[in-house]
Amino acid sequence: MPLRLVIENATSEELARGVAAAEAVFARSEVSIEDALSAMFTVDLWDTDGLPKGKEPTDEDRAAANVWLDAERAACEACCAGWPEDKIVRRRALGMGPVEPKVKTANLATWPDRQRRYGEIIKRLETATGPDRQLDIDICYVMGWVNEPGTLEEAAEIGLPYLTANLADVAEITQKSLQAWKIEIDQEPCDARIIEPERDEDDDDNISVAAWRCRDGRLHMEKPPANPAIALTAG
């Protein structure tokens, strides 16, 4: 599971810079990320509550925990480089788990409004009967690619992609966003499936996301999308 840095108002580039700095600390120390995190929890729990009883952290535990703290400090410093002093985060920001979705970090200032609009966009994708330029524009806003909802004229000026009409455009965007993932597109009926890298067909834990119909027969929509571009956008 990857390292995750959570610092409010940091850009995706700043967060990536912080994670890279933390990874460099672990690489130099030769202590694994998992061992350092486990040791940090052990030491923290003992120092706070004296738990578990009778199992005081060893010198090795404390050394590994210090590696985690050094990595966290390096991550925060790298991420917040150049920030005003009162905005700098110094601890309790590093963890492990799925990274913040790109759709959120693409534009943190508009994230609350974009998140609120998600449900509406999905419903419009599910009920679209063909290419819809205004829907293209609204999707671009919800994804954080533009700073505010736009008009048809503004979309033409800045060249927003035709997400519900141009299959090549949306396939290229999806592939860039989910590098190494496999994309399956059905023409009749229209559907799209995104499959995690190195998927084992016999492993039920692998991730496969379909726009309309899952492999087990369950349906996300009552009927298939209007065209392959919409199917892939919905997927």
C-alpha atoms as a PDB file:
ATOM      1  CA  MET A   1       0.000   0.000   0.000  1.00  0.00           C
ATOM      2  CA  PRO A   2       1.478   3.382  -0.978  1.00  0.00           C
ATOM      3  CA  LEU A   3       2.475   6.287   1.209  1.00  0.00           C
ATOM      4  CA  ARG A   4      -0.137   9.001   1.507  1.00  0.00           C
ATOM      5  CA  LEU A   5       0.419  12.618   2.497  1.00  0.00           C
ATOM      6  CA  VAL A   6      -2.615  14.618   3.637  1.00  0.00           C
ATOM      7  CA  ILE A   7      -2.012  18.365   3.841  1.00  0.00           C
ATOM      8  CA  GLU A   8      -4.931  20.705   3.284  1.00  0.00           C
ATOM      9  CA  ASN A   9      -4.620  23.117   0.357  1.00  0.00           C
ATOM     10  CA  ALA A  10      -1.479  21.427  -0.999  1.00  0.00           C
ATOM     11  CA  THR A  11      -1.413  20.891  -4.758  1.00  0.00           C
ATOM     12  CA  SER A  12      -0.956  17.455  -6.275  1.00  0.00           C
ATOM     13  CA  GLU A  13       2.595  18.438  -7.272  1.00  0.00           C
ATOM     14  CA  GLU A  14       3.434  19.526  -3.716  1.00  0.00           C
ATOM     15  CA  LEU A  15       1.993  16.324  -2.253  1.00  0.00           C
ATOM     16  CA  ALA A  16       3.959  14.231  -4.728  1.00  0.00           C
ATOM     17  CA  ARG A  17       7.124  16.143  -3.812  1.00  0.00           C
ATOM     18  CA  GLY A  18       6.489  15.407  -0.143  1.00  0.00           C
ATOM     19  CA  VAL A  19       5.900  11.698  -0.711  1.00  0.00           C
ATOM     20  CA  ALA A  20       9.099  11.475  -2.753  1.00  0.00           C
ATOM     21  CA  ALA A  21      11.052  13.064   0.109  1.00  0.00           C
ATOM     22  CA  ALA A  22       9.621  10.552   2.572  1.00  0.00           C
ATOM     23  CA  GLU A  23      10.439   7.636   0.270  1.00  0.00           C
ATOM     24  CA  ALA A  24      14.028   8.866   0.057  1.00  0.00           C
ATOM     25  CA  VAL A  25      14.321   8.733   3.847  1.00  0.00           C
ATOM     26  CA  PHE A  26      13.107   5.143   3.923  1.00  0.00           C
ATOM     27  CA  ALA A  27      15.468   4.174   1.113  1.00  0.00           C
ATOM     28  CA  ARG A  28      18.458   5.572   3.004  1.00  0.00           C
ATOM     29  CA  SER A  29      17.465   3.951   6.285  1.00  0.00           C
ATOM     30  CA  GLU A  30      16.849   0.447   4.882  1.00  0.00           C
ATOM     31  CA  VAL A  31      13.814   0.215   7.212  1.00  0.00           C
ATOM     32  CA  SER A  32      10.634  -0.753   5.367  1.00  0.00           C
ATOM     33  CA  ILE A  33       7.708   1.639   5.384  1.00  0.00           C
ATOM     34  CA  GLU A  34       5.490  -1.018   6.984  1.00  0.00           C
ATOM     35  CA  ASP A  35       7.976  -1.778   9.781  1.00  0.00           C
ATOM     36  CA  ALA A  36       8.517   1.913  10.520  1.00  0.00           C
ATOM     37  CA  LEU A  37       4.784   2.617  10.714  1.00  0.00           C
ATOM     38  CA  SER A  38       4.160  -0.389  12.951  1.00  0.00           C
ATOM     39  CA  ALA A  39       6.982   0.672  15.257  1.00  0.00           C
ATOM     40  CA  MET A  40       5.691   4.229  15.378  1.00  0.00           C
ATOM     41  CA  PHE A  41       2.267   3.001  16.502  1.00  0.00           C
ATOM     42  CA  THR A  42       3.875   0.726  19.103  1.00  0.00           C
ATOM     43  CA  VAL A  43       5.996   3.521  20.561  1.00  0.00           C
ATOM     44  CA  ASP A  44       3.175   6.070  20.420  1.00  0.00           C
ATOM     45  CA  LEU A  45       0.734   3.762  22.207  1.00  0.00           C
ATOM     46  CA  TRP A  46       3.283   2.915  24.893  1.00  0.00           C
ATOM     47  CA  ASP A  47       4.332   6.520  25.480  1.00  0.00           C
ATOM     48  CA  THR A  48       0.700   7.626  25.707  1.00  0.00           C
ATOM     49  CA  ASP A  49      -1.007   4.814  27.624  1.00  0.00           C
ATOM     50  CA  GLY A  50       1.691   2.339  28.609  1.00  0.00           C
ATOM     51  CA  LEU A  51       0.157  -0.332  26.395  1.00  0.00           C
ATOM     52  CA  PRO A  52       0.406  -3.185  25.872  1.00  0.00           C
ATOM     53  CA  LYS A  53       1.245  -3.916  29.487  1.00  0.00           C
ATOM     54  CA  GLY A  54       4.628  -5.486  30.049  1.00  0.00           C
ATOM     55  CA  LYS A  55       5.770  -4.996  26.458  1.00  0.00           C
ATOM     56  CA  GLU A  56       7.814  -1.842  26.411  1.00  0.00           C
ATOM     57  CA  PRO A  57       9.137  -0.959  22.937  1.00  0.00           C
ATOM     58  CA  THR A  58      12.624  -2.230  22.185  1.00  0.00           C
ATOM     59  CA  ASP A  59      15.504  -0.071  21.039  1.00  0.00           C
ATOM     60  CA  GLU A  60      14.851  -1.425  17.547  1.00  0.00           C
ATOM     61  CA  ASP A  61      11.218  -0.313  17.758  1.00  0.00           C
ATOM     62  CA  ARG A  62      12.215   3.190  18.759  1.00  0.00           C
ATOM     63  CA  ALA A  63      14.837   3.406  16.030  1.00  0.00           C
ATOM     64  CA  ALA A  64      12.320   2.320  13.389  1.00  0.00           C
ATOM     65  CA  ALA A  65       9.731   4.749  14.759  1.00  0.00           C
ATOM     66  CA  ASN A  66      12.258   7.565  14.452  1.00  0.00           C
ATOM     67  CA  VAL A  67      12.700   6.687  10.795  1.00  0.00           C
ATOM     68  CA  TRP A  68       8.969   7.201  10.297  1.00  0.00           C
ATOM     69  CA  LEU A  69       9.099  10.550  12.095  1.00  0.00           C
ATOM     70  CA  ASP A  70      12.116  11.621  10.020  1.00  0.00           C
ATOM     71  CA  ALA A  71      10.270  10.656   6.830  1.00  0.00           C
ATOM     72  CA  GLU A  72       7.184  12.556   7.909  1.00  0.00           C
ATOM     73  CA  ARG A  73       9.249  15.639   8.738  1.00  0.00           C
ATOM     74  CA  ALA A  74      10.983  15.464   5.350  1.00  0.00           C
ATOM     75  CA  ALA A  75       7.649  15.036   3.565  1.00  0.00           C
ATOM     76  CA  CYS A  76       6.113  18.060   5.271  1.00  0.00           C
ATOM     77  CA  GLU A  77       9.137  20.252   4.630  1.00  0.00           C
ATOM     78  CA  ALA A  78       9.273  19.300   0.959  1.00  0.00           C
ATOM     79  CA  CYS A  79       5.546  19.722   0.439  1.00  0.00           C
ATOM     80  CA  CYS A  80       5.303  23.061   2.252  1.00  0.00           C
ATOM     81  CA  ALA A  81       8.503  24.584   0.893  1.00  0.00           C
ATOM     82  CA  GLY A  82       7.962  28.279   0.308  1.00  0.00           C
ATOM     83  CA  TRP A  83       4.702  28.440   2.265  1.00  0.00           C
ATOM     84  CA  PRO A  84       4.025  31.137   4.888  1.00  0.00           C
ATOM     85  CA  GLU A  85       5.295  30.039   8.284  1.00  0.00           C
ATOM     86  CA  ASP A  86       1.824  29.870   9.831  1.00  0.00           C
ATOM     87  CA  LYS A  87       0.568  27.535   7.081  1.00  0.00           C
ATOM     88  CA  ILE A  88       3.321  24.944   7.293  1.00  0.00           C
ATOM     89  CA  VAL A  89       2.283  21.480   8.531  1.00  0.00           C
ATOM     90  CA  ARG A  90       4.960  19.671  10.510  1.00  0.00           C
ATOM     91  CA  ARG A  91       3.515  16.345  11.749  1.00  0.00           C
ATOM     92  CA  ARG A  92       0.654  13.845  11.678  1.00  0.00           C
ATOM     93  CA  ALA A  93       0.338  14.196   7.909  1.00  0.00           C
ATOM     94  CA  LEU A  94       1.961  11.008   6.605  1.00  0.00           C
ATOM     95  CA  GLY A  95       0.163   7.702   6.386  1.00  0.00           C
ATOM     96  CA  MET A  96      -0.462   4.699   4.196  1.00  0.00           C
ATOM     97  CA  GLY A  97      -3.438   4.026   2.009  1.00  0.00           C
ATOM     98  CA  PRO A  98      -5.025   5.031  -1.270  1.00  0.00           C
ATOM     99  CA  VAL A  99      -3.856   8.428  -2.460  1.00  0.00           C
ATOM    100  CA  GLU A 100      -6.237  11.345  -2.702  1.00  0.00           C
ATOM    101  CA  PRO A 101      -8.177  11.025  -5.943  1.00  0.00           C
ATOM    102  CA  LYS A 102      -6.857  13.177  -8.763  1.00  0.00           C
ATOM    103  CA  VAL A 103     -10.331  14.583  -9.253  1.00  0.00           C
ATOM    104  CA  LYS A 104     -10.034  16.179  -5.809  1.00  0.00           C
ATOM    105  CA  THR A 105      -6.420  17.323  -5.886  1.00  0.00           C
ATOM    106  CA  ALA A 106      -6.801  18.761  -9.408  1.00  0.00           C
ATOM    107  CA  ASN A 107      -8.535  21.802  -7.946  1.00  0.00           C
ATOM    108  CA  LEU A 108      -8.940  21.839  -4.168  1.00  0.00           C
ATOM    109  CA  ALA A 109     -10.638  25.241  -4.090  1.00  0.00           C
ATOM    110  CA  THR A 110     -13.626  24.025  -6.100  1.00  0.00           C
ATOM    111  CA  TRP A 111     -13.705  20.469  -4.716  1.00  0.00           C
ATOM    112  CA  PRO A 112     -16.718  20.911  -2.348  1.00  0.00           C
ATOM    113  CA  ASP A 113     -18.912  22.293  -5.140  1.00  0.00           C
ATOM    114  CA  ARG A 114     -17.708  19.727  -7.670  1.00  0.00           C
ATOM    115  CA  GLN A 115     -18.302  16.886  -5.229  1.00  0.00           C
ATOM    116  CA  ARG A 116     -21.864  18.122  -4.683  1.00  0.00           C
ATOM    117  CA  ARG A 117     -22.525  18.016  -8.430  1.00  0.00           C
ATOM    118  CA  TYR A 118     -21.327  14.425  -8.937  1.00  0.00           C
ATOM    119  CA  GLY A 119     -24.726  12.778  -8.497  1.00  0.00           C
ATOM    120  CA  GLU A 120     -26.336  15.046 -11.073  1.00  0.00           C
ATOM    121  CA  ILE A 121     -23.587  14.340 -13.622  1.00  0.00           C
ATOM    122  CA  ILE A 122     -23.915  10.571 -13.209  1.00  0.00           C
ATOM    123  CA  LYS A 123     -27.689  10.733 -13.695  1.00  0.00           C
ATOM    124  CA  ARG A 124     -27.251  12.825 -16.839  1.00  0.00           C
ATOM    125  CA  LEU A 125     -24.720  10.339 -18.205  1.00  0.00           C
ATOM    126  CA  GLU A 126     -27.084   7.455 -17.509  1.00  0.00           C
ATOM    127  CA  THR A 127     -29.995   9.127 -19.294  1.00  0.00           C
ATOM    128  CA  ALA A 128     -28.098  10.781 -22.165  1.00  0.00           C
ATOM    129  CA  THR A 129     -29.592   9.850 -25.528  1.00  0.00           C
ATOM    130  CA  GLY A 130     -26.599  10.991 -27.547  1.00  0.00           C
ATOM    131  CA  PRO A 131     -23.752  13.526 -27.635  1.00  0.00           C
ATOM    132  CA  ASP A 132     -24.361  16.416 -25.239  1.00  0.00           C
ATOM    133  CA  ARG A 133     -21.899  19.318 -25.423  1.00  0.00           C
ATOM    134  CA  GLN A 134     -23.134  20.979 -22.245  1.00  0.00           C
ATOM    135  CA  LEU A 135     -22.662  17.688 -20.420  1.00  0.00           C
ATOM    136  CA  ASP A 136     -19.090  17.545 -21.768  1.00  0.00           C
ATOM    137  CA  ILE A 137     -18.445  20.992 -20.318  1.00  0.00           C
ATOM    138  CA  ASP A 138     -19.997  20.171 -16.954  1.00  0.00           C
ATOM    139  CA  ILE A 139     -17.951  16.962 -16.695  1.00  0.00           C
ATOM    140  CA  CYS A 140     -14.760  18.949 -17.310  1.00  0.00           C
ATOM    141  CA  TYR A 141     -15.670  21.220 -14.411  1.00  0.00           C
ATOM    142  CA  VAL A 142     -16.557  18.369 -12.063  1.00  0.00           C
ATOM    143  CA  MET A 143     -13.249  16.684 -12.897  1.00  0.00           C
ATOM    144  CA  GLY A 144     -11.377  19.861 -11.952  1.00  0.00           C
ATOM    145  CA  TRP A 145      -9.984  20.511 -15.436  1.00  0.00           C
ATOM    146  CA  VAL A 146     -11.502  24.006 -15.531  1.00  0.00           C
ATOM    147  CA  ASN A 147     -11.976  26.471 -12.690  1.00  0.00           C
ATOM    148  CA  GLU A 148     -15.678  27.155 -13.104  1.00  0.00           C
ATOM    149  CA  PRO A 149     -18.737  25.918 -15.000  1.00  0.00           C
ATOM    150  CA  GLY A 150     -18.547  27.058 -18.623  1.00  0.00           C
ATOM    151  CA  THR A 151     -20.704  27.881 -21.612  1.00  0.00           C
ATOM    152  CA  LEU A 152     -20.704  26.435 -25.120  1.00  0.00           C
ATOM    153  CA  GLU A 153     -18.824  29.478 -26.397  1.00  0.00           C
ATOM    154  CA  GLU A 154     -16.128  29.207 -23.700  1.00  0.00           C
ATOM    155  CA  ALA A 155     -15.732  25.492 -24.378  1.00  0.00           C
ATOM    156  CA  ALA A 156     -15.061  26.238 -28.040  1.00  0.00           C
ATOM    157  CA  GLU A 157     -12.495  28.904 -27.152  1.00  0.00           C
ATOM    158  CA  ILE A 158     -10.390  26.642 -24.911  1.00  0.00           C
ATOM    159  CA  GLY A 159     -10.949  23.394 -26.812  1.00  0.00           C
ATOM    160  CA  LEU A 160     -12.589  21.176 -24.176  1.00  0.00           C
ATOM    161  CA  PRO A 161     -12.789  17.503 -25.202  1.00  0.00           C
ATOM    162  CA  TYR A 162     -15.969  15.965 -26.635  1.00  0.00           C
ATOM    163  CA  LEU A 163     -16.489  13.385 -23.915  1.00  0.00           C
ATOM    164  CA  THR A 164     -19.909  12.187 -25.030  1.00  0.00           C
ATOM    165  CA  ALA A 165     -19.194  12.238 -28.754  1.00  0.00           C
ATOM    166  CA  ASN A 166     -15.542  11.444 -29.472  1.00  0.00           C
ATOM    167  CA  LEU A 167     -14.583   7.920 -28.389  1.00  0.00           C
ATOM    168  CA  ALA A 168     -10.913   8.456 -29.270  1.00  0.00           C
ATOM    169  CA  ASP A 169     -10.698  11.551 -27.045  1.00  0.00           C
ATOM    170  CA  VAL A 170     -12.262   9.952 -24.004  1.00  0.00           C
ATOM    171  CA  ALA A 171     -10.291   6.711 -24.444  1.00  0.00           C
ATOM    172  CA  GLU A 172      -7.041   8.692 -24.541  1.00  0.00           C
ATOM    173  CA  ILE A 173      -7.975  10.681 -21.421  1.00  0.00           C
ATOM    174  CA  THR A 174      -8.988   7.540 -19.553  1.00  0.00           C
ATOM    175  CA  GLN A 175      -5.792   5.735 -20.483  1.00  0.00           C
ATOM    176  CA  LYS A 176      -3.670   8.655 -19.273  1.00  0.00           C
ATOM    177  CA  SER A 177      -5.561   8.789 -15.986  1.00  0.00           C
ATOM    178  CA  LEU A 178      -5.382   5.017 -15.419  1.00  0.00           C
ATOM    179  CA  GLN A 179      -2.014   4.099 -16.847  1.00  0.00           C
ATOM    180  CA  ALA A 180      -1.506   0.350 -17.390  1.00  0.00           C
ATOM    181  CA  TRP A 181      -5.201  -0.373 -16.790  1.00  0.00           C
ATOM    182  CA  LYS A 182      -7.020  -2.239 -19.538  1.00  0.00           C
ATOM    183  CA  ILE A 183     -10.018  -0.700 -21.290  1.00  0.00           C
ATOM    184  CA  GLU A 184     -12.660  -2.886 -22.928  1.00  0.00           C
ATOM    185  CA  ILE A 185     -15.253  -1.215 -25.168  1.00  0.00           C
ATOM    186  CA  ASP A 186     -18.360  -2.889 -26.557  1.00  0.00           C
ATOM    187  CA  GLN A 187     -20.184  -1.318 -29.491  1.00  0.00           C
ATOM    188  CA  GLU A 188     -23.478  -3.262 -29.482  1.00  0.00           C
ATOM    189  CA  PRO A 189     -24.793  -2.871 -26.889  1.00  0.00           C
ATOM    190  CA  CYS A 190     -22.649   0.088 -25.848  1.00  0.00           C
ATOM    191  CA  ASP A 191     -20.653  -0.556 -22.693  1.00  0.00           C
ATOM    192  CA  ALA A 192     -17.153   0.014 -21.318  1.00  0.00           C
ATOM    193  CA  ARG A 193     -15.132  -1.772 -18.680  1.00  0.00           C
ATOM    194  CA  ILE A 194     -11.948  -0.649 -16.921  1.00  0.00           C
ATOM    195  CA  ILE A 195      -9.834  -3.487 -15.529  1.00  0.00           C
ATOM    196  CA  GLU A 196      -6.974  -3.197 -13.056  1.00  0.00           C
ATOM    197  CA  PRO A 197      -3.437  -4.063 -14.215  1.00  0.00           C
ATOM    198  CA  GLU A 198      -2.369  -7.721 -14.201  1.00  0.00           C
ATOM    199  CA  ARG A 199      -5.892  -8.860 -13.385  1.00  0.00           C
ATOM    200  CA  ASP A 200      -6.210 -12.544 -12.543  1.00  0.00           C
ATOM    201  CA  GLU A 201      -9.475 -13.749 -14.076  1.00  0.00           C
ATOM    202  CA  ASP A 202      -9.924 -16.204 -11.196  1.00  0.00           C
ATOM    203  CA  ASP A 203      -9.389 -13.609  -8.458  1.00  0.00           C
ATOM    204  CA  ASP A 204     -12.644 -12.034  -7.271  1.00  0.00           C
ATOM    205  CA  ASP A 205     -10.744  -9.346  -5.354  1.00  0.00           C
ATOM    206  CA  ASN A 206      -9.464  -7.671  -8.488  1.00  0.00           C
ATOM    207  CA  ILE A 207     -11.122  -4.462  -9.589  1.00  0.00           C
ATOM    208  CA  SER A 208     -13.243  -4.253 -12.731  1.00  0.00           C
ATOM    209  CA  VAL A 209     -15.534  -1.259 -13.196  1.00  0.00           C
ATOM    210  CA  ALA A 210     -18.197  -1.343 -15.901  1.00  0.00           C
ATOM    211  CA  ALA A 211     -20.401   1.460 -17.154  1.00  0.00           C
ATOM    212  CA  TRP A 212     -23.503  -0.669 -17.627  1.00  0.00           C
ATOM    213  CA  ARG A 213     -23.198  -4.402 -17.021  1.00  0.00           C
ATOM    214  CA  CYS A 214     -20.885  -6.205 -14.586  1.00  0.00           C
ATOM    215  CA  ARG A 215     -19.363  -9.576 -15.385  1.00  0.00           C
ATOM    216  CA  ASP A 216     -21.725 -11.250 -12.914  1.00  0.00           C
ATOM    217  CA  GLY A 217     -24.772  -9.863 -14.693  1.00  0.00           C
ATOM    218  CA  ARG A 218     -25.613  -7.010 -12.319  1.00  0.00           C
ATOM    219  CA  LEU A 219     -26.646  -3.749 -13.987  1.00  0.00           C
ATOM    220  CA  HIS A 220     -25.540  -0.225 -13.048  1.00  0.00           C
ATOM    221  CA  MET A 221     -28.135   1.256 -15.394  1.00  0.00           C
ATOM    222  CA  GLU A 222     -31.505  -0.009 -16.637  1.00  0.00           C
ATOM    223  CA  LYS A 223     -30.336   0.194 -20.258  1.00  0.00           C
ATOM    224  CA  PRO A 224     -26.944   0.498 -21.968  1.00  0.00           C
ATOM    225  CA  PRO A 225     -25.470   3.972 -22.623  1.00  0.00           C
ATOM    226  CA  ALA A 226     -26.322   5.783 -25.834  1.00  0.00           C
ATOM    227  CA  ASN A 227     -22.881   5.388 -27.427  1.00  0.00           C
ATOM    228  CA  PRO A 228     -19.383   4.060 -26.645  1.00  0.00           C
ATOM    229  CA  ALA A 229     -18.030   7.509 -25.723  1.00  0.00           C
ATOM    230  CA  ILE A 230     -20.736   7.945 -23.084  1.00  0.00           C
ATOM    231  CA  ALA A 231     -20.157   4.355 -21.921  1.00  0.00           C
ATOM    232  CA  LEU A 232     -16.461   4.973 -21.354  1.00  0.00           C
ATOM    233  CA  THR A 233     -17.097   8.342 -19.700  1.00  0.00           C
ATOM    234  CA  ALA A 234     -19.604   6.721 -17.330  1.00  0.00           C
ATOM    235  CA  GLY A 235     -17.253   3.839 -16.662  1.00  0.00           C
END
